Amino acid sequence: MTLLTNIEHHAQKNGDCIAIKIDAQQITYNSLKDKIAEKHYKLQHIERQATVALNIQNPLTLIIYYLAVLQSNAIPCVIDYR
Protein backbone atom coordinates (compact mmCIF):
# COMPACT_ATOMS: atom_id res chain seq x y z
CA MET A 1 0.00 0.00 0.00
CA THR A 2 1.54 3.27 -1.07
CA LEU A 3 -0.36 5.32 1.52
CA LEU A 4 0.73 3.09 4.41
CA THR A 5 4.29 3.03 3.10
CA ASN A 6 4.32 6.83 2.94
CA ILE A 7 3.08 7.09 6.53
CA GLU A 8 5.82 4.70 7.66
CA HIS A 9 8.42 6.71 5.72
CA HIS A 10 7.29 10.02 7.22
CA ALA A 11 7.19 8.48 10.71
CA GLN A 12 10.85 7.52 10.33
CA LYS A 13 11.98 10.88 8.93
CA ASN A 14 9.58 13.39 10.51
CA GLY A 15 7.88 11.43 13.28
CA ASP A 16 7.03 14.43 15.44
CA CYS A 17 5.45 16.41 12.59
CA ILE A 18 1.68 16.65 12.38
CA ALA A 19 0.25 14.05 10.01
CA ILE A 20 -3.43 14.94 10.36
CA LYS A 21 -5.17 17.97 11.81
CA ILE A 22 -8.96 18.14 11.99
CA ASP A 23 -10.35 21.09 13.93
CA ALA A 24 -8.84 20.83 17.43
CA GLN A 25 -7.61 17.24 16.94
CA GLN A 26 -4.20 16.44 15.57
CA ILE A 27 -1.86 13.47 15.43
CA THR A 28 1.82 13.12 14.59
CA TYR A 29 3.21 10.59 12.13
CA ASN A 30 4.67 8.49 14.96
CA SER A 31 1.37 8.43 16.83
CA LEU A 32 -0.55 7.69 13.64
CA LYS A 33 1.75 4.77 12.81
CA ASP A 34 1.38 3.41 16.36
CA LYS A 35 -2.41 3.78 16.40
CA ILE A 36 -2.72 2.04 13.03
CA ALA A 37 -0.58 -0.84 14.32
CA GLU A 38 -2.66 -1.05 17.51
CA LYS A 39 -5.97 -1.21 15.60
CA HIS A 40 -4.47 -3.60 13.02
CA TYR A 41 -3.63 -5.99 15.86
CA LYS A 42 -7.24 -5.86 17.07
CA LEU A 43 -8.48 -6.59 13.54
CA GLN A 44 -6.39 -9.73 12.97
CA HIS A 45 -9.50 -11.91 12.80
CA ILE A 46 -10.72 -10.17 9.62
CA GLU A 47 -10.29 -12.23 6.48
CA ARG A 48 -8.27 -10.88 3.56
CA GLN A 49 -10.36 -8.97 1.02
CA ALA A 50 -13.34 -8.87 3.40
CA THR A 51 -15.48 -5.74 3.23
CA VAL A 52 -15.46 -3.95 6.59
CA ALA A 53 -18.13 -1.37 7.40
CA LEU A 54 -16.89 1.63 9.39
CA ASN A 55 -19.52 3.68 11.19
CA ILE A 56 -17.50 6.04 13.37
CA GLN A 57 -18.50 9.61 14.16
CA ASN A 58 -15.05 10.95 15.08
CA PRO A 59 -13.18 11.75 11.83
CA LEU A 60 -9.69 11.11 13.19
CA THR A 61 -10.69 7.75 14.66
CA LEU A 62 -12.39 6.87 11.38
CA ILE A 63 -9.18 7.58 9.44
CA ILE A 64 -7.12 5.45 11.83
CA TYR A 65 -9.50 2.49 11.52
CA TYR A 66 -9.72 2.97 7.74
CA LEU A 67 -5.95 2.70 7.47
CA ALA A 68 -5.84 -0.28 9.86
CA VAL A 69 -8.40 -2.10 7.72
CA LEU A 70 -6.27 -1.38 4.65
CA GLN A 71 -3.23 -2.74 6.46
CA SER A 72 -5.24 -5.90 7.16
CA ASN A 73 -5.67 -6.34 3.39
CA ALA A 74 -9.41 -5.83 3.75
CA ILE A 75 -11.71 -3.32 2.08
CA PRO A 76 -12.92 -0.43 4.26
CA CYS A 77 -16.41 0.87 3.56
CA VAL A 78 -17.40 4.11 5.28
CA ILE A 79 -21.04 4.32 6.34
CA ASP A 80 -22.61 7.64 7.32
CA TYR A 81 -23.16 7.62 11.08
CA ARG A 82 -26.29 9.74 10.82
PDB file of N, CA and C in Angstrom:
ATOM      1  N   MET A   1       0.834  -1.191   0.000  1.00  0.00           N
ATOM      2  CA  MET A   1       0.000   0.000   0.000  1.00  0.00           C
ATOM      3  C   MET A   1       0.878   1.253   0.000  1.00  0.00           C
ATOM      4  N   THR A   2       0.732   2.064  -0.972  1.00  0.00           N
ATOM      5  CA  THR A   2       1.539   3.268  -1.071  1.00  0.00           C
ATOM      6  C   THR A   2       1.262   4.222   0.089  1.00  0.00           C
ATOM      7  N   LEU A   3       0.004   4.406   0.441  1.00  0.00           N
ATOM      8  CA  LEU A   3      -0.356   5.318   1.524  1.00  0.00           C
ATOM      9  C   LEU A   3       0.269   4.877   2.845  1.00  0.00           C
ATOM     10  N   LEU A   4       0.153   3.607   3.170  1.00  0.00           N
ATOM     11  CA  LEU A   4       0.727   3.093   4.412  1.00  0.00           C
ATOM     12  C   LEU A   4       2.254   3.159   4.387  1.00  0.00           C
ATOM     13  N   THR A   5       2.836   2.920   3.242  1.00  0.00           N
ATOM     14  CA  THR A   5       4.289   3.031   3.095  1.00  0.00           C
ATOM     15  C   THR A   5       4.738   4.476   3.307  1.00  0.00           C
ATOM     16  N   ASN A   6       3.988   5.411   2.768  1.00  0.00           N
ATOM     17  CA  ASN A   6       4.324   6.829   2.945  1.00  0.00           C
ATOM     18  C   ASN A   6       4.217   7.253   4.404  1.00  0.00           C
ATOM     19  N   ILE A   7       3.217   6.765   5.106  1.00  0.00           N
ATOM     20  CA  ILE A   7       3.076   7.086   6.530  1.00  0.00           C
ATOM     21  C   ILE A   7       4.272   6.546   7.299  1.00  0.00           C
ATOM     22  N   GLU A   8       4.656   5.310   7.012  1.00  0.00           N
ATOM     23  CA  GLU A   8       5.820   4.699   7.655  1.00  0.00           C
ATOM     24  C   GLU A   8       7.089   5.514   7.365  1.00  0.00           C
ATOM     25  N   HIS A   9       7.253   5.912   6.129  1.00  0.00           N
ATOM     26  CA  HIS A   9       8.417   6.708   5.725  1.00  0.00           C
ATOM     27  C   HIS A   9       8.455   8.042   6.473  1.00  0.00           C
ATOM     28  N   HIS A  10       7.329   8.728   6.519  1.00  0.00           N
ATOM     29  CA  HIS A  10       7.286  10.024   7.216  1.00  0.00           C
ATOM     30  C   HIS A  10       7.478   9.845   8.722  1.00  0.00           C
ATOM     31  N   ALA A  11       6.990   8.742   9.275  1.00  0.00           N
ATOM     32  CA  ALA A  11       7.187   8.484  10.709  1.00  0.00           C
ATOM     33  C   ALA A  11       8.664   8.322  11.029  1.00  0.00           C
ATOM     34  N   GLN A  12       9.409   7.703  10.113  1.00  0.00           N
ATOM     35  CA  GLN A  12      10.845   7.521  10.330  1.00  0.00           C
ATOM     36  C   GLN A  12      11.613   8.827  10.179  1.00  0.00           C
ATOM     37  N   LYS A  13      11.231   9.647   9.207  1.00  0.00           N
ATOM     38  CA  LYS A  13      11.976  10.877   8.927  1.00  0.00           C
ATOM     39  C   LYS A  13      11.494  12.076   9.736  1.00  0.00           C
ATOM     40  N   ASN A  14      10.179  12.209   9.868  1.00  0.00           N
ATOM     41  CA  ASN A  14       9.582  13.389  10.513  1.00  0.00           C
ATOM     42  C   ASN A  14       8.513  12.967  11.512  1.00  0.00           C
ATOM     43  N   GLY A  15       8.849  12.044  12.374  1.00  0.00           N
ATOM     44  CA  GLY A  15       7.880  11.434  13.277  1.00  0.00           C
ATOM     45  C   GLY A  15       7.093  12.379  14.154  1.00  0.00           C
ATOM     46  N   ASP A  16       7.705  13.491  14.541  1.00  0.00           N
ATOM     47  CA  ASP A  16       7.031  14.429  15.436  1.00  0.00           C
ATOM     48  C   ASP A  16       6.227  15.498  14.698  1.00  0.00           C
ATOM     49  N   CYS A  17       6.236  15.463  13.380  1.00  0.00           N
ATOM     50  CA  CYS A  17       5.446  16.412  12.592  1.00  0.00           C
ATOM     51  C   CYS A  17       3.987  15.972  12.569  1.00  0.00           C
ATOM     52  N   ILE A  18       3.114  16.936  12.410  1.00  0.00           N
ATOM     53  CA  ILE A  18       1.684  16.650  12.383  1.00  0.00           C
ATOM     54  C   ILE A  18       1.326  15.966  11.064  1.00  0.00           C
ATOM     55  N   ALA A  19       0.681  14.810  11.182  1.00  0.00           N
ATOM     56  CA  ALA A  19       0.250  14.048  10.007  1.00  0.00           C
ATOM     57  C   ALA A  19      -1.175  14.438   9.610  1.00  0.00           C
ATOM     58  N   ILE A  20      -2.028  14.596  10.605  1.00  0.00           N
ATOM     59  CA  ILE A  20      -3.434  14.939  10.357  1.00  0.00           C
ATOM     60  C   ILE A  20      -3.873  15.956  11.390  1.00  0.00           C
ATOM     61  N   LYS A  21      -4.584  16.974  10.912  1.00  0.00           N
ATOM     62  CA  LYS A  21      -5.174  17.972  11.814  1.00  0.00           C
ATOM     63  C   LYS A  21      -6.601  18.210  11.356  1.00  0.00           C
ATOM     64  N   ILE A  22      -7.536  17.925  12.262  1.00  0.00           N
ATOM     65  CA  ILE A  22      -8.955  18.137  11.991  1.00  0.00           C
ATOM     66  C   ILE A  22      -9.519  18.932  13.161  1.00  0.00           C
ATOM     67  N   ASP A  23      -9.876  20.171  12.884  1.00  0.00           N
ATOM     68  CA  ASP A  23     -10.351  21.088  13.928  1.00  0.00           C
ATOM     69  C   ASP A  23      -9.332  21.123  15.069  1.00  0.00           C
ATOM     70  N   ALA A  24      -9.738  20.758  16.282  1.00  0.00           N
ATOM     71  CA  ALA A  24      -8.838  20.829  17.432  1.00  0.00           C
ATOM     72  C   ALA A  24      -8.024  19.544  17.603  1.00  0.00           C
ATOM     73  N   GLN A  25      -8.327  18.513  16.830  1.00  0.00           N
ATOM     74  CA  GLN A  25      -7.613  17.244  16.945  1.00  0.00           C
ATOM     75  C   GLN A  25      -6.437  17.201  15.977  1.00  0.00           C
ATOM     76  N   GLN A  26      -5.346  16.638  16.443  1.00  0.00           N
ATOM     77  CA  GLN A  26      -4.201  16.439  15.569  1.00  0.00           C
ATOM     78  C   GLN A  26      -3.426  15.221  16.039  1.00  0.00           C
ATOM     79  N   ILE A  27      -2.656  14.654  15.119  1.00  0.00           N
ATOM     80  CA  ILE A  27      -1.864  13.470  15.433  1.00  0.00           C
ATOM     81  C   ILE A  27      -0.565  13.528  14.630  1.00  0.00           C
ATOM     82  N   THR A  28       0.530  13.135  15.273  1.00  0.00           N
ATOM     83  CA  THR A  28       1.825  13.115  14.587  1.00  0.00           C
ATOM     84  C   THR A  28       1.960  11.824  13.785  1.00  0.00           C
ATOM     85  N   TYR A  29       2.967  11.790  12.926  1.00  0.00           N
ATOM     86  CA  TYR A  29       3.212  10.595  12.130  1.00  0.00           C
ATOM     87  C   TYR A  29       3.544   9.388  13.013  1.00  0.00           C
ATOM     88  N   ASN A  30       4.347   9.593  14.059  1.00  0.00           N
ATOM     89  CA  ASN A  30       4.671   8.485  14.959  1.00  0.00           C
ATOM     90  C   ASN A  30       3.424   7.946  15.646  1.00  0.00           C
ATOM     91  N   SER A  31       2.601   8.852  16.146  1.00  0.00           N
ATOM     92  CA  SER A  31       1.373   8.428  16.825  1.00  0.00           C
ATOM     93  C   SER A  31       0.412   7.761  15.859  1.00  0.00           C
ATOM     94  N   LEU A  32       0.319   8.284  14.654  1.00  0.00           N
ATOM     95  CA  LEU A  32      -0.555   7.692  13.639  1.00  0.00           C
ATOM     96  C   LEU A  32      -0.103   6.278  13.316  1.00  0.00           C
ATOM     97  N   LYS A  33       1.191   6.104  13.102  1.00  0.00           N
ATOM     98  CA  LYS A  33       1.747   4.774  12.812  1.00  0.00           C
ATOM     99  C   LYS A  33       1.455   3.810  13.957  1.00  0.00           C
ATOM    100  N   ASP A  34       1.634   4.259  15.194  1.00  0.00           N
ATOM    101  CA  ASP A  34       1.385   3.411  16.364  1.00  0.00           C
ATOM    102  C   ASP A  34      -0.096   3.062  16.507  1.00  0.00           C
ATOM    103  N   LYS A  35      -0.965   4.028  16.292  1.00  0.00           N
ATOM    104  CA  LYS A  35      -2.415   3.783  16.396  1.00  0.00           C
ATOM    105  C   LYS A  35      -2.883   2.814  15.314  1.00  0.00           C
ATOM    106  N   ILE A  36      -2.366   2.963  14.103  1.00  0.00           N
ATOM    107  CA  ILE A  36      -2.723   2.035  13.028  1.00  0.00           C
ATOM    108  C   ILE A  36      -2.294   0.616  13.402  1.00  0.00           C
ATOM    109  N   ALA A  37      -1.086   0.477  13.920  1.00  0.00           N
ATOM    110  CA  ALA A  37      -0.576  -0.842  14.325  1.00  0.00           C
ATOM    111  C   ALA A  37      -1.428  -1.435  15.446  1.00  0.00           C
ATOM    112  N   GLU A  38      -1.830  -0.603  16.391  1.00  0.00           N
ATOM    113  CA  GLU A  38      -2.662  -1.047  17.514  1.00  0.00           C
ATOM    114  C   GLU A  38      -4.027  -1.564  17.017  1.00  0.00           C
ATOM    115  N   LYS A  39      -4.658  -0.807  16.141  1.00  0.00           N
ATOM    116  CA  LYS A  39      -5.971  -1.214  15.605  1.00  0.00           C
ATOM    117  C   LYS A  39      -5.822  -2.423  14.681  1.00  0.00           C
ATOM    118  N   HIS A  40      -4.741  -2.459  13.906  1.00  0.00           N
ATOM    119  CA  HIS A  40      -4.474  -3.604  13.019  1.00  0.00           C
ATOM    120  C   HIS A  40      -4.390  -4.894  13.836  1.00  0.00           C
ATOM    121  N   TYR A  41      -3.739  -4.827  14.982  1.00  0.00           N
ATOM    122  CA  TYR A  41      -3.625  -5.991  15.865  1.00  0.00           C
ATOM    123  C   TYR A  41      -5.010  -6.464  16.319  1.00  0.00           C
ATOM    124  N   LYS A  42      -5.880  -5.514  16.635  1.00  0.00           N
ATOM    125  CA  LYS A  42      -7.240  -5.858  17.075  1.00  0.00           C
ATOM    126  C   LYS A  42      -8.088  -6.427  15.932  1.00  0.00           C
ATOM    127  N   LEU A  43      -7.708  -6.157  14.698  1.00  0.00           N
ATOM    128  CA  LEU A  43      -8.485  -6.589  13.539  1.00  0.00           C
ATOM    129  C   LEU A  43      -7.918  -7.846  12.878  1.00  0.00           C
ATOM    130  N   GLN A  44      -7.049  -8.559  13.558  1.00  0.00           N
ATOM    131  CA  GLN A  44      -6.391  -9.731  12.970  1.00  0.00           C
ATOM    132  C   GLN A  44      -7.365 -10.817  12.524  1.00  0.00           C
ATOM    133  N   HIS A  45      -8.527 -10.869  13.123  1.00  0.00           N
ATOM    134  CA  HIS A  45      -9.504 -11.910  12.796  1.00  0.00           C
ATOM    135  C   HIS A  45     -10.218 -11.669  11.459  1.00  0.00           C
ATOM    136  N   ILE A  46     -10.051 -10.494  10.887  1.00  0.00           N
ATOM    137  CA  ILE A  46     -10.716 -10.165   9.625  1.00  0.00           C
ATOM    138  C   ILE A  46     -10.025 -10.902   8.472  1.00  0.00           C
ATOM    139  N   GLU A  47     -10.839 -11.508   7.629  1.00  0.00           N
ATOM    140  CA  GLU A  47     -10.294 -12.227   6.480  1.00  0.00           C
ATOM    141  C   GLU A  47      -9.787 -11.250   5.428  1.00  0.00           C
ATOM    142  N   ARG A  48      -8.795 -11.693   4.666  1.00  0.00           N
ATOM    143  CA  ARG A  48      -8.272 -10.876   3.561  1.00  0.00           C
ATOM    144  C   ARG A  48      -9.380 -10.612   2.555  1.00  0.00           C
ATOM    145  N   GLN A  49      -9.393  -9.425   2.022  1.00  0.00           N
ATOM    146  CA  GLN A  49     -10.358  -8.972   1.019  1.00  0.00           C
ATOM    147  C   GLN A  49     -11.797  -8.899   1.533  1.00  0.00           C
ATOM    148  N   ALA A  50     -12.002  -9.035   2.839  1.00  0.00           N
ATOM    149  CA  ALA A  50     -13.344  -8.870   3.405  1.00  0.00           C
ATOM    150  C   ALA A  50     -13.714  -7.387   3.361  1.00  0.00           C
ATOM    151  N   THR A  51     -14.988  -7.112   3.182  1.00  0.00           N
ATOM    152  CA  THR A  51     -15.481  -5.742   3.232  1.00  0.00           C
ATOM    153  C   THR A  51     -15.821  -5.422   4.687  1.00  0.00           C
ATOM    154  N   VAL A  52     -15.271  -4.328   5.199  1.00  0.00           N
ATOM    155  CA  VAL A  52     -15.464  -3.951   6.595  1.00  0.00           C
ATOM    156  C   VAL A  52     -16.175  -2.610   6.654  1.00  0.00           C
ATOM    157  N   ALA A  53     -17.358  -2.603   7.253  1.00  0.00           N
ATOM    158  CA  ALA A  53     -18.129  -1.368   7.398  1.00  0.00           C
ATOM    159  C   ALA A  53     -17.578  -0.565   8.566  1.00  0.00           C
ATOM    160  N   LEU A  54     -17.370   0.723   8.349  1.00  0.00           N
ATOM    161  CA  LEU A  54     -16.889   1.626   9.391  1.00  0.00           C
ATOM    162  C   LEU A  54     -17.950   2.693   9.621  1.00  0.00           C
ATOM    163  N   ASN A  55     -18.483   2.727  10.824  1.00  0.00           N
ATOM    164  CA  ASN A  55     -19.520   3.676  11.193  1.00  0.00           C
ATOM    165  C   ASN A  55     -19.044   4.401  12.445  1.00  0.00           C
ATOM    166  N   ILE A  56     -18.152   5.354  12.256  1.00  0.00           N
ATOM    167  CA  ILE A  56     -17.497   6.040  13.370  1.00  0.00           C
ATOM    168  C   ILE A  56     -17.699   7.538  13.203  1.00  0.00           C
ATOM    169  N   GLN A  57     -18.183   8.176  14.245  1.00  0.00           N
ATOM    170  CA  GLN A  57     -18.499   9.605  14.165  1.00  0.00           C
ATOM    171  C   GLN A  57     -17.249  10.488  14.180  1.00  0.00           C
ATOM    172  N   ASN A  58     -16.254  10.133  14.965  1.00  0.00           N
ATOM    173  CA  ASN A  58     -15.052  10.952  15.078  1.00  0.00           C
ATOM    174  C   ASN A  58     -14.183  10.785  13.832  1.00  0.00           C
ATOM    175  N   PRO A  59     -13.928  11.872  13.085  1.00  0.00           N
ATOM    176  CA  PRO A  59     -13.180  11.749  11.827  1.00  0.00           C
ATOM    177  C   PRO A  59     -11.766  11.183  11.980  1.00  0.00           C
ATOM    178  N   LEU A  60     -11.058  11.589  13.007  1.00  0.00           N
ATOM    179  CA  LEU A  60      -9.690  11.110  13.185  1.00  0.00           C
ATOM    180  C   LEU A  60      -9.681   9.611  13.505  1.00  0.00           C
ATOM    181  N   THR A  61     -10.581   9.175  14.341  1.00  0.00           N
ATOM    182  CA  THR A  61     -10.691   7.753  14.663  1.00  0.00           C
ATOM    183  C   THR A  61     -11.086   6.959  13.423  1.00  0.00           C
ATOM    184  N   LEU A  62     -11.977   7.518  12.625  1.00  0.00           N
ATOM    185  CA  LEU A  62     -12.389   6.870  11.377  1.00  0.00           C
ATOM    186  C   LEU A  62     -11.193   6.669  10.452  1.00  0.00           C
ATOM    187  N   ILE A  63     -10.361   7.677  10.307  1.00  0.00           N
ATOM    188  CA  ILE A  63      -9.179   7.584   9.443  1.00  0.00           C
ATOM    189  C   ILE A  63      -8.226   6.500   9.955  1.00  0.00           C
ATOM    190  N   ILE A  64      -8.021   6.446  11.248  1.00  0.00           N
ATOM    191  CA  ILE A  64      -7.118   5.448  11.834  1.00  0.00           C
ATOM    192  C   ILE A  64      -7.639   4.039  11.563  1.00  0.00           C
ATOM    193  N   TYR A  65      -8.927   3.811  11.797  1.00  0.00           N
ATOM    194  CA  TYR A  65      -9.500   2.491  11.524  1.00  0.00           C
ATOM    195  C   TYR A  65      -9.482   2.172  10.033  1.00  0.00           C
ATOM    196  N   TYR A  66      -9.749   3.159   9.205  1.00  0.00           N
ATOM    197  CA  TYR A  66      -9.718   2.967   7.742  1.00  0.00           C
ATOM    198  C   TYR A  66      -8.348   2.450   7.324  1.00  0.00           C
ATOM    199  N   LEU A  67      -7.307   3.098   7.813  1.00  0.00           N
ATOM    200  CA  LEU A  67      -5.946   2.695   7.466  1.00  0.00           C
ATOM    201  C   LEU A  67      -5.588   1.327   8.053  1.00  0.00           C
ATOM    202  N   ALA A  68      -6.083   1.032   9.251  1.00  0.00           N
ATOM    203  CA  ALA A  68      -5.837  -0.276   9.864  1.00  0.00           C
ATOM    204  C   ALA A  68      -6.516  -1.390   9.066  1.00  0.00           C
ATOM    205  N   VAL A  69      -7.713  -1.119   8.554  1.00  0.00           N
ATOM    206  CA  VAL A  69      -8.396  -2.102   7.722  1.00  0.00           C
ATOM    207  C   VAL A  69      -7.604  -2.327   6.431  1.00  0.00           C
ATOM    208  N   LEU A  70      -7.112  -1.244   5.836  1.00  0.00           N
ATOM    209  CA  LEU A  70      -6.269  -1.385   4.647  1.00  0.00           C
ATOM    210  C   LEU A  70      -5.033  -2.231   4.944  1.00  0.00           C
ATOM    211  N   GLN A  71      -4.427  -1.983   6.092  1.00  0.00           N
ATOM    212  CA  GLN A  71      -3.233  -2.737   6.465  1.00  0.00           C
ATOM    213  C   GLN A  71      -3.556  -4.222   6.662  1.00  0.00           C
ATOM    214  N   SER A  72      -4.795  -4.511   6.990  1.00  0.00           N
ATOM    215  CA  SER A  72      -5.236  -5.899   7.160  1.00  0.00           C
ATOM    216  C   SER A  72      -5.592  -6.561   5.834  1.00  0.00           C
ATOM    217  N   ASN A  73      -5.340  -5.855   4.732  1.00  0.00           N
ATOM    218  CA  ASN A  73      -5.674  -6.339   3.387  1.00  0.00           C
ATOM    219  C   ASN A  73      -7.167  -6.598   3.220  1.00  0.00           C
ATOM    220  N   ALA A  74      -7.956  -5.773   3.894  1.00  0.00           N
ATOM    221  CA  ALA A  74      -9.407  -5.831   3.754  1.00  0.00           C
ATOM    222  C   ALA A  74      -9.865  -4.542   3.069  1.00  0.00           C
ATOM    223  N   ILE A  75     -11.159  -4.448   2.830  1.00  0.00           N
ATOM    224  CA  ILE A  75     -11.711  -3.321   2.084  1.00  0.00           C
ATOM    225  C   ILE A  75     -12.574  -2.475   3.021  1.00  0.00           C
ATOM    226  N   PRO A  76     -12.113  -1.277   3.383  1.00  0.00           N
ATOM    227  CA  PRO A  76     -12.920  -0.433   4.262  1.00  0.00           C
ATOM    228  C   PRO A  76     -14.080   0.212   3.496  1.00  0.00           C
ATOM    229  N   CYS A  77     -15.221   0.267   4.143  1.00  0.00           N
ATOM    230  CA  CYS A  77     -16.409   0.872   3.562  1.00  0.00           C
ATOM    231  C   CYS A  77     -17.002   1.820   4.592  1.00  0.00           C
ATOM    232  N   VAL A  78     -16.925   3.105   4.328  1.00  0.00           N
ATOM    233  CA  VAL A  78     -17.401   4.107   5.280  1.00  0.00           C
ATOM    234  C   VAL A  78     -18.914   4.256   5.144  1.00  0.00           C
ATOM    235  N   ILE A  79     -19.591   4.161   6.289  1.00  0.00           N
ATOM    236  CA  ILE A  79     -21.036   4.316   6.337  1.00  0.00           C
ATOM    237  C   ILE A  79     -21.338   5.575   7.145  1.00  0.00           C
ATOM    238  N   ASP A  80     -22.230   6.401   6.641  1.00  0.00           N
ATOM    239  CA  ASP A  80     -22.605   7.642   7.320  1.00  0.00           C
ATOM    240  C   ASP A  80     -23.229   7.320   8.674  1.00  0.00           C
ATOM    241  N   TYR A  81     -22.692   7.906   9.724  1.00  0.00           N
ATOM    242  CA  TYR A  81     -23.156   7.619  11.079  1.00  0.00           C
ATOM    243  C   TYR A  81     -24.518   8.223  11.390  1.00  0.00           C
ATOM    244  N   ARG A  82     -25.009   9.117  10.531  1.00  0.00           N
ATOM    245  CA  ARG A  82     -26.295   9.744  10.820  1.00  0.00           C
ATOM    246  C   ARG A  82     -27.358   8.861  10.353  1.00  0.00           C
TER     247      ARG A  82
END
